[in-house]
Amino acid sequence: MSKYLVDCTAQAATTVKLSTEVKQRMQQLLKCVQFAIHCIFIQPMIYLGIKRGADPRMPKSTILSLL
């Protein structure tokens, strides 16, 4: 049983050597994911926050009041 635990920790501690091409592709993928999160999640949250307001008694927002 203890030999198995030692083997698992040894495997977890090893580092994976990646080529520069793979690293570049992973960086590009992360940039795409960040962009998608920004466009898909953050923008609608800002829109809903402006449209609904923080408080029901809050006056309606207009374009001029946002500037």
PDB file of N, CA and C in Angstrom:
ATOM      1  N   MET A   1       0.816  -1.191   0.000  1.00  0.00           N
ATOM      2  CA  MET A   1       0.000   0.000   0.000  1.00  0.00           C
ATOM      3  C   MET A   1       0.861   1.257   0.000  1.00  0.00           C
ATOM      4  N   SER A   2       1.895   1.300   0.813  1.00  0.00           N
ATOM      5  CA  SER A   2       2.730   2.494   0.884  1.00  0.00           C
ATOM      6  C   SER A   2       3.545   2.666  -0.398  1.00  0.00           C
ATOM      7  N   LYS A   3       3.897   1.551  -1.041  1.00  0.00           N
ATOM      8  CA  LYS A   3       4.631   1.653  -2.310  1.00  0.00           C
ATOM      9  C   LYS A   3       3.757   2.350  -3.355  1.00  0.00           C
ATOM     10  N   TYR A   4       2.474   2.048  -3.370  1.00  0.00           N
ATOM     11  CA  TYR A   4       1.555   2.676  -4.311  1.00  0.00           C
ATOM     12  C   TYR A   4       1.485   4.184  -4.064  1.00  0.00           C
ATOM     13  N   LEU A   5       1.424   4.601  -2.806  1.00  0.00           N
ATOM     14  CA  LEU A   5       1.367   6.021  -2.488  1.00  0.00           C
ATOM     15  C   LEU A   5       2.631   6.735  -2.927  1.00  0.00           C
ATOM     16  N   VAL A   6       3.774   6.099  -2.757  1.00  0.00           N
ATOM     17  CA  VAL A   6       5.039   6.691  -3.174  1.00  0.00           C
ATOM     18  C   VAL A   6       5.076   6.835  -4.691  1.00  0.00           C
ATOM     19  N   ASP A   7       4.579   5.829  -5.403  1.00  0.00           N
ATOM     20  CA  ASP A   7       4.556   5.892  -6.866  1.00  0.00           C
ATOM     21  C   ASP A   7       3.649   7.016  -7.354  1.00  0.00           C
ATOM     22  N   CYS A   8       2.510   7.220  -6.708  1.00  0.00           N
ATOM     23  CA  CYS A   8       1.590   8.279  -7.120  1.00  0.00           C
ATOM     24  C   CYS A   8       2.209   9.649  -6.907  1.00  0.00           C
ATOM     25  N   THR A   9       2.863   9.846  -5.780  1.00  0.00           N
ATOM     26  CA  THR A   9       3.465  11.144  -5.527  1.00  0.00           C
ATOM     27  C   THR A   9       4.643  11.391  -6.455  1.00  0.00           C
ATOM     28  N   ALA A  10       5.355  10.351  -6.813  1.00  0.00           N
ATOM     29  CA  ALA A  10       6.474  10.515  -7.739  1.00  0.00           C
ATOM     30  C   ALA A  10       5.960  10.903  -9.121  1.00  0.00           C
ATOM     31  N   GLN A  11       4.852  10.337  -9.538  1.00  0.00           N
ATOM     32  CA  GLN A  11       4.291  10.682 -10.833  1.00  0.00           C
ATOM     33  C   GLN A  11       3.744  12.101 -10.837  1.00  0.00           C
ATOM     34  N   ALA A  12       3.177  12.539  -9.736  1.00  0.00           N
ATOM     35  CA  ALA A  12       2.620  13.879  -9.667  1.00  0.00           C
ATOM     36  C   ALA A  12       3.719  14.931  -9.662  1.00  0.00           C
ATOM     37  N   ALA A  13       4.894  14.579  -9.165  1.00  0.00           N
ATOM     38  CA  ALA A  13       5.980  15.544  -9.060  1.00  0.00           C
ATOM     39  C   ALA A  13       6.743  15.704 -10.370  1.00  0.00           C
ATOM     40  N   THR A  14       6.584  14.800 -11.309  1.00  0.00           N
ATOM     41  CA  THR A  14       7.317  14.909 -12.566  1.00  0.00           C
ATOM     42  C   THR A  14       6.737  16.035 -13.407  1.00  0.00           C
ATOM     43  N   THR A  15       7.609  16.721 -14.115  1.00  0.00           N
ATOM     44  CA  THR A  15       7.160  17.800 -14.988  1.00  0.00           C
ATOM     45  C   THR A  15       7.086  17.299 -16.417  1.00  0.00           C
ATOM     46  N   VAL A  16       6.173  17.853 -17.152  1.00  0.00           N
ATOM     47  CA  VAL A  16       5.992  17.481 -18.549  1.00  0.00           C
ATOM     48  C   VAL A  16       6.774  18.471 -19.400  1.00  0.00           C
ATOM     49  N   LYS A  17       7.594  17.957 -20.277  1.00  0.00           N
ATOM     50  CA  LYS A  17       8.355  18.821 -21.172  1.00  0.00           C
ATOM     51  C   LYS A  17       7.551  19.014 -22.451  1.00  0.00           C
ATOM     52  N   LEU A  18       7.227  20.260 -22.734  1.00  0.00           N
ATOM     53  CA  LEU A  18       6.434  20.584 -23.911  1.00  0.00           C
ATOM     54  C   LEU A  18       7.297  21.335 -24.917  1.00  0.00           C
ATOM     55  N   SER A  19       7.006  21.114 -26.165  1.00  0.00           N
ATOM     56  CA  SER A  19       7.723  21.850 -27.196  1.00  0.00           C
ATOM     57  C   SER A  19       7.216  23.290 -27.231  1.00  0.00           C
ATOM     58  N   THR A  20       7.979  24.147 -27.859  1.00  0.00           N
ATOM     59  CA  THR A  20       7.578  25.564 -27.928  1.00  0.00           C
ATOM     60  C   THR A  20       6.287  25.731 -28.726  1.00  0.00           C
ATOM     61  N   GLU A  21       6.085  24.885 -29.718  1.00  0.00           N
ATOM     62  CA  GLU A  21       4.850  24.970 -30.512  1.00  0.00           C
ATOM     63  C   GLU A  21       3.626  24.663 -29.651  1.00  0.00           C
ATOM     64  N   VAL A  22       3.736  23.650 -28.813  1.00  0.00           N
ATOM     65  CA  VAL A  22       2.625  23.290 -27.932  1.00  0.00           C
ATOM     66  C   VAL A  22       2.373  24.409 -26.920  1.00  0.00           C
ATOM     67  N   LYS A  23       3.434  24.987 -26.389  1.00  0.00           N
ATOM     68  CA  LYS A  23       3.286  26.099 -25.444  1.00  0.00           C
ATOM     69  C   LYS A  23       2.591  27.288 -26.105  1.00  0.00           C
ATOM     70  N   GLN A  24       2.965  27.590 -27.344  1.00  0.00           N
ATOM     71  CA  GLN A  24       2.342  28.701 -28.057  1.00  0.00           C
ATOM     72  C   GLN A  24       0.862  28.432 -28.311  1.00  0.00           C
ATOM     73  N   ARG A  25       0.543  27.194 -28.660  1.00  0.00           N
ATOM     74  CA  ARG A  25      -0.858  26.840 -28.896  1.00  0.00           C
ATOM     75  C   ARG A  25      -1.673  26.938 -27.609  1.00  0.00           C
ATOM     76  N   MET A  26      -1.082  26.530 -26.497  1.00  0.00           N
ATOM     77  CA  MET A  26      -1.776  26.623 -25.214  1.00  0.00           C
ATOM     78  C   MET A  26      -1.991  28.080 -24.817  1.00  0.00           C
ATOM     79  N   GLN A  27      -1.006  28.933 -25.060  1.00  0.00           N
ATOM     80  CA  GLN A  27      -1.155  30.353 -24.771  1.00  0.00           C
ATOM     81  C   GLN A  27      -2.250  30.966 -25.635  1.00  0.00           C
ATOM     82  N   GLN A  28      -2.301  30.591 -26.897  1.00  0.00           N
ATOM     83  CA  GLN A  28      -3.343  31.098 -27.793  1.00  0.00           C
ATOM     84  C   GLN A  28      -4.717  30.628 -27.336  1.00  0.00           C
ATOM     85  N   LEU A  29      -4.809  29.378 -26.895  1.00  0.00           N
ATOM     86  CA  LEU A  29      -6.066  28.845 -26.399  1.00  0.00           C
ATOM     87  C   LEU A  29      -6.517  29.604 -25.155  1.00  0.00           C
ATOM     88  N   LEU A  30      -5.602  29.889 -24.248  1.00  0.00           N
ATOM     89  CA  LEU A  30      -5.952  30.640 -23.049  1.00  0.00           C
ATOM     90  C   LEU A  30      -6.406  32.052 -23.384  1.00  0.00           C
ATOM     91  N   LYS A  31      -5.764  32.681 -24.374  1.00  0.00           N
ATOM     92  CA  LYS A  31      -6.190  34.012 -24.796  1.00  0.00           C
ATOM     93  C   LYS A  31      -7.600  33.963 -25.369  1.00  0.00           C
ATOM     94  N   CYS A  32      -7.907  32.934 -26.146  1.00  0.00           N
ATOM     95  CA  CYS A  32      -9.245  32.792 -26.721  1.00  0.00           C
ATOM     96  C   CYS A  32     -10.288  32.572 -25.624  1.00  0.00           C
ATOM     97  N   VAL A  33      -9.946  31.773 -24.627  1.00  0.00           N
ATOM     98  CA  VAL A  33     -10.876  31.522 -23.524  1.00  0.00           C
ATOM     99  C   VAL A  33     -11.120  32.808 -22.740  1.00  0.00           C
ATOM    100  N   GLN A  34     -10.077  33.571 -22.470  1.00  0.00           N
ATOM    101  CA  GLN A  34     -10.235  34.839 -21.764  1.00  0.00           C
ATOM    102  C   GLN A  34     -11.131  35.792 -22.554  1.00  0.00           C
ATOM    103  N   PHE A  35     -10.930  35.856 -23.860  1.00  0.00           N
ATOM    104  CA  PHE A  35     -11.746  36.717 -24.711  1.00  0.00           C
ATOM    105  C   PHE A  35     -13.204  36.265 -24.685  1.00  0.00           C
ATOM    106  N   ALA A  36     -13.415  34.953 -24.759  1.00  0.00           N
ATOM    107  CA  ALA A  36     -14.778  34.426 -24.751  1.00  0.00           C
ATOM    108  C   ALA A  36     -15.467  34.743 -23.430  1.00  0.00           C
ATOM    109  N   ILE A  37     -14.761  34.588 -22.320  1.00  0.00           N
ATOM    110  CA  ILE A  37     -15.351  34.906 -21.023  1.00  0.00           C
ATOM    111  C   ILE A  37     -15.689  36.387 -20.960  1.00  0.00           C
ATOM    112  N   HIS A  38     -14.800  37.204 -21.471  1.00  0.00           N
ATOM    113  CA  HIS A  38     -15.048  38.644 -21.456  1.00  0.00           C
ATOM    114  C   HIS A  38     -16.290  38.993 -22.266  1.00  0.00           C
ATOM    115  N   CYS A  39     -16.422  38.439 -23.438  1.00  0.00           N
ATOM    116  CA  CYS A  39     -17.543  38.786 -24.319  1.00  0.00           C
ATOM    117  C   CYS A  39     -18.841  38.098 -23.921  1.00  0.00           C
ATOM    118  N   ILE A  40     -18.741  36.860 -23.474  1.00  0.00           N
ATOM    119  CA  ILE A  40     -19.951  36.085 -23.217  1.00  0.00           C
ATOM    120  C   ILE A  40     -20.497  36.329 -21.817  1.00  0.00           C
ATOM    121  N   PHE A  41     -19.649  36.560 -20.846  1.00  0.00           N
ATOM    122  CA  PHE A  41     -20.127  36.664 -19.470  1.00  0.00           C
ATOM    123  C   PHE A  41     -20.157  38.101 -18.952  1.00  0.00           C
ATOM    124  N   ILE A  42     -19.068  38.818 -19.084  1.00  0.00           N
ATOM    125  CA  ILE A  42     -18.966  40.130 -18.452  1.00  0.00           C
ATOM    126  C   ILE A  42     -19.886  41.154 -19.109  1.00  0.00           C
ATOM    127  N   GLN A  43     -19.935  41.195 -20.415  1.00  0.00           N
ATOM    128  CA  GLN A  43     -20.766  42.184 -21.103  1.00  0.00           C
ATOM    129  C   GLN A  43     -22.252  42.055 -20.752  1.00  0.00           C
ATOM    130  N   PRO A  44     -22.830  40.861 -20.786  1.00  0.00           N
ATOM    131  CA  PRO A  44     -24.250  40.770 -20.385  1.00  0.00           C
ATOM    132  C   PRO A  44     -24.484  41.144 -18.926  1.00  0.00           C
ATOM    133  N   MET A  45     -23.530  40.851 -18.045  1.00  0.00           N
ATOM    134  CA  MET A  45     -23.688  41.226 -16.644  1.00  0.00           C
ATOM    135  C   MET A  45     -23.709  42.747 -16.489  1.00  0.00           C
ATOM    136  N   ILE A  46     -22.859  43.433 -17.229  1.00  0.00           N
ATOM    137  CA  ILE A  46     -22.869  44.895 -17.196  1.00  0.00           C
ATOM    138  C   ILE A  46     -24.191  45.414 -17.738  1.00  0.00           C
ATOM    139  N   TYR A  47     -24.649  44.836 -18.836  1.00  0.00           N
ATOM    140  CA  TYR A  47     -25.918  45.262 -19.428  1.00  0.00           C
ATOM    141  C   TYR A  47     -27.076  45.059 -18.451  1.00  0.00           C
ATOM    142  N   LEU A  48     -27.135  43.878 -17.834  1.00  0.00           N
ATOM    143  CA  LEU A  48     -28.220  43.617 -16.893  1.00  0.00           C
ATOM    144  C   LEU A  48     -28.128  44.521 -15.669  1.00  0.00           C
ATOM    145  N   GLY A  49     -26.918  44.802 -15.215  1.00  0.00           N
ATOM    146  CA  GLY A  49     -26.760  45.705 -14.083  1.00  0.00           C
ATOM    147  C   GLY A  49     -27.256  47.104 -14.400  1.00  0.00           C
ATOM    148  N   ILE A  50     -27.002  47.563 -15.611  1.00  0.00           N
ATOM    149  CA  ILE A  50     -27.466  48.893 -16.008  1.00  0.00           C
ATOM    150  C   ILE A  50     -28.975  48.881 -16.237  1.00  0.00           C
ATOM    151  N   LYS A  51     -29.470  47.841 -16.890  1.00  0.00           N
ATOM    152  CA  LYS A  51     -30.885  47.790 -17.246  1.00  0.00           C
ATOM    153  C   LYS A  51     -31.773  47.634 -16.010  1.00  0.00           C
ATOM    154  N   ARG A  52     -31.426  46.729 -15.129  1.00  0.00           N
ATOM    155  CA  ARG A  52     -32.280  46.462 -13.968  1.00  0.00           C
ATOM    156  C   ARG A  52     -31.961  47.362 -12.786  1.00  0.00           C
ATOM    157  N   GLY A  53     -30.735  47.774 -12.667  1.00  0.00           N
ATOM    158  CA  GLY A  53     -30.358  48.634 -11.549  1.00  0.00           C
ATOM    159  C   GLY A  53     -30.137  47.831 -10.279  1.00  0.00           C
ATOM    160  N   ALA A  54     -29.517  48.474  -9.308  1.00  0.00           N
ATOM    161  CA  ALA A  54     -29.223  47.809  -8.057  1.00  0.00           C
ATOM    162  C   ALA A  54     -30.422  47.798  -7.124  1.00  0.00           C
ATOM    163  N   ASP A  55     -31.321  48.752  -7.305  1.00  0.00           N
ATOM    164  CA  ASP A  55     -32.444  48.923  -6.403  1.00  0.00           C
ATOM    165  C   ASP A  55     -33.704  49.150  -7.226  1.00  0.00           C
ATOM    166  N   PRO A  56     -34.831  48.564  -6.847  1.00  0.00           N
ATOM    167  CA  PRO A  56     -36.059  48.783  -7.625  1.00  0.00           C
ATOM    168  C   PRO A  56     -36.484  50.244  -7.672  1.00  0.00           C
ATOM    169  N   ARG A  57     -36.110  51.045  -6.661  1.00  0.00           N
ATOM    170  CA  ARG A  57     -36.475  52.456  -6.642  1.00  0.00           C
ATOM    171  C   ARG A  57     -35.524  53.319  -7.454  1.00  0.00           C
ATOM    172  N   MET A  58     -34.479  52.680  -7.997  1.00  0.00           N
ATOM    173  CA  MET A  58     -33.483  53.425  -8.779  1.00  0.00           C
ATOM    174  C   MET A  58     -34.120  53.931 -10.078  1.00  0.00           C
ATOM    175  N   PRO A  59     -33.862  55.187 -10.450  1.00  0.00           N
ATOM    176  CA  PRO A  59     -34.465  55.705 -11.696  1.00  0.00           C
ATOM    177  C   PRO A  59     -33.895  54.982 -12.914  1.00  0.00           C
ATOM    178  N   LYS A  60     -34.678  54.951 -13.975  1.00  0.00           N
ATOM    179  CA  LYS A  60     -34.238  54.309 -15.215  1.00  0.00           C
ATOM    180  C   LYS A  60     -33.019  55.005 -15.778  1.00  0.00           C
ATOM    181  N   SER A  61     -32.086  54.196 -16.292  1.00  0.00           N
ATOM    182  CA  SER A  61     -30.881  54.757 -16.895  1.00  0.00           C
ATOM    183  C   SER A  61     -31.154  55.155 -18.339  1.00  0.00           C
ATOM    184  N   THR A  62     -30.546  56.248 -18.739  1.00  0.00           N
ATOM    185  CA  THR A  62     -30.601  56.671 -20.124  1.00  0.00           C
ATOM    186  C   THR A  62     -29.184  56.796 -20.635  1.00  0.00           C
ATOM    187  N   ILE A  63     -29.046  56.933 -21.922  1.00  0.00           N
ATOM    188  CA  ILE A  63     -27.716  57.067 -22.520  1.00  0.00           C
ATOM    189  C   ILE A  63     -26.996  58.292 -21.965  1.00  0.00           C
ATOM    190  N   LEU A  64     -27.708  59.403 -21.816  1.00  0.00           N
ATOM    191  CA  LEU A  64     -27.080  60.626 -21.318  1.00  0.00           C
ATOM    192  C   LEU A  64     -26.653  60.493 -19.865  1.00  0.00           C
ATOM    193  N   SER A  65     -27.425  59.767 -19.057  1.00  0.00           N
ATOM    194  CA  SER A  65     -27.037  59.625 -17.656  1.00  0.00           C
ATOM    195  C   SER A  65     -25.815  58.722 -17.493  1.00  0.00           C
ATOM    196  N   LEU A  66     -25.564  57.860 -18.454  1.00  0.00           N
ATOM    197  CA  LEU A  66     -24.405  56.980 -18.382  1.00  0.00           C
ATOM    198  C   LEU A  66     -23.119  57.678 -18.802  1.00  0.00           C
ATOM    199  N   LEU A  67     -23.239  58.738 -19.589  1.00  0.00           N
ATOM    200  CA  LEU A  67     -22.062  59.479 -20.034  1.00  0.00           C
ATOM    201  C   LEU A  67     -21.656  60.401 -18.977  1.00  0.00           C
TER     202      LEU A  67
END
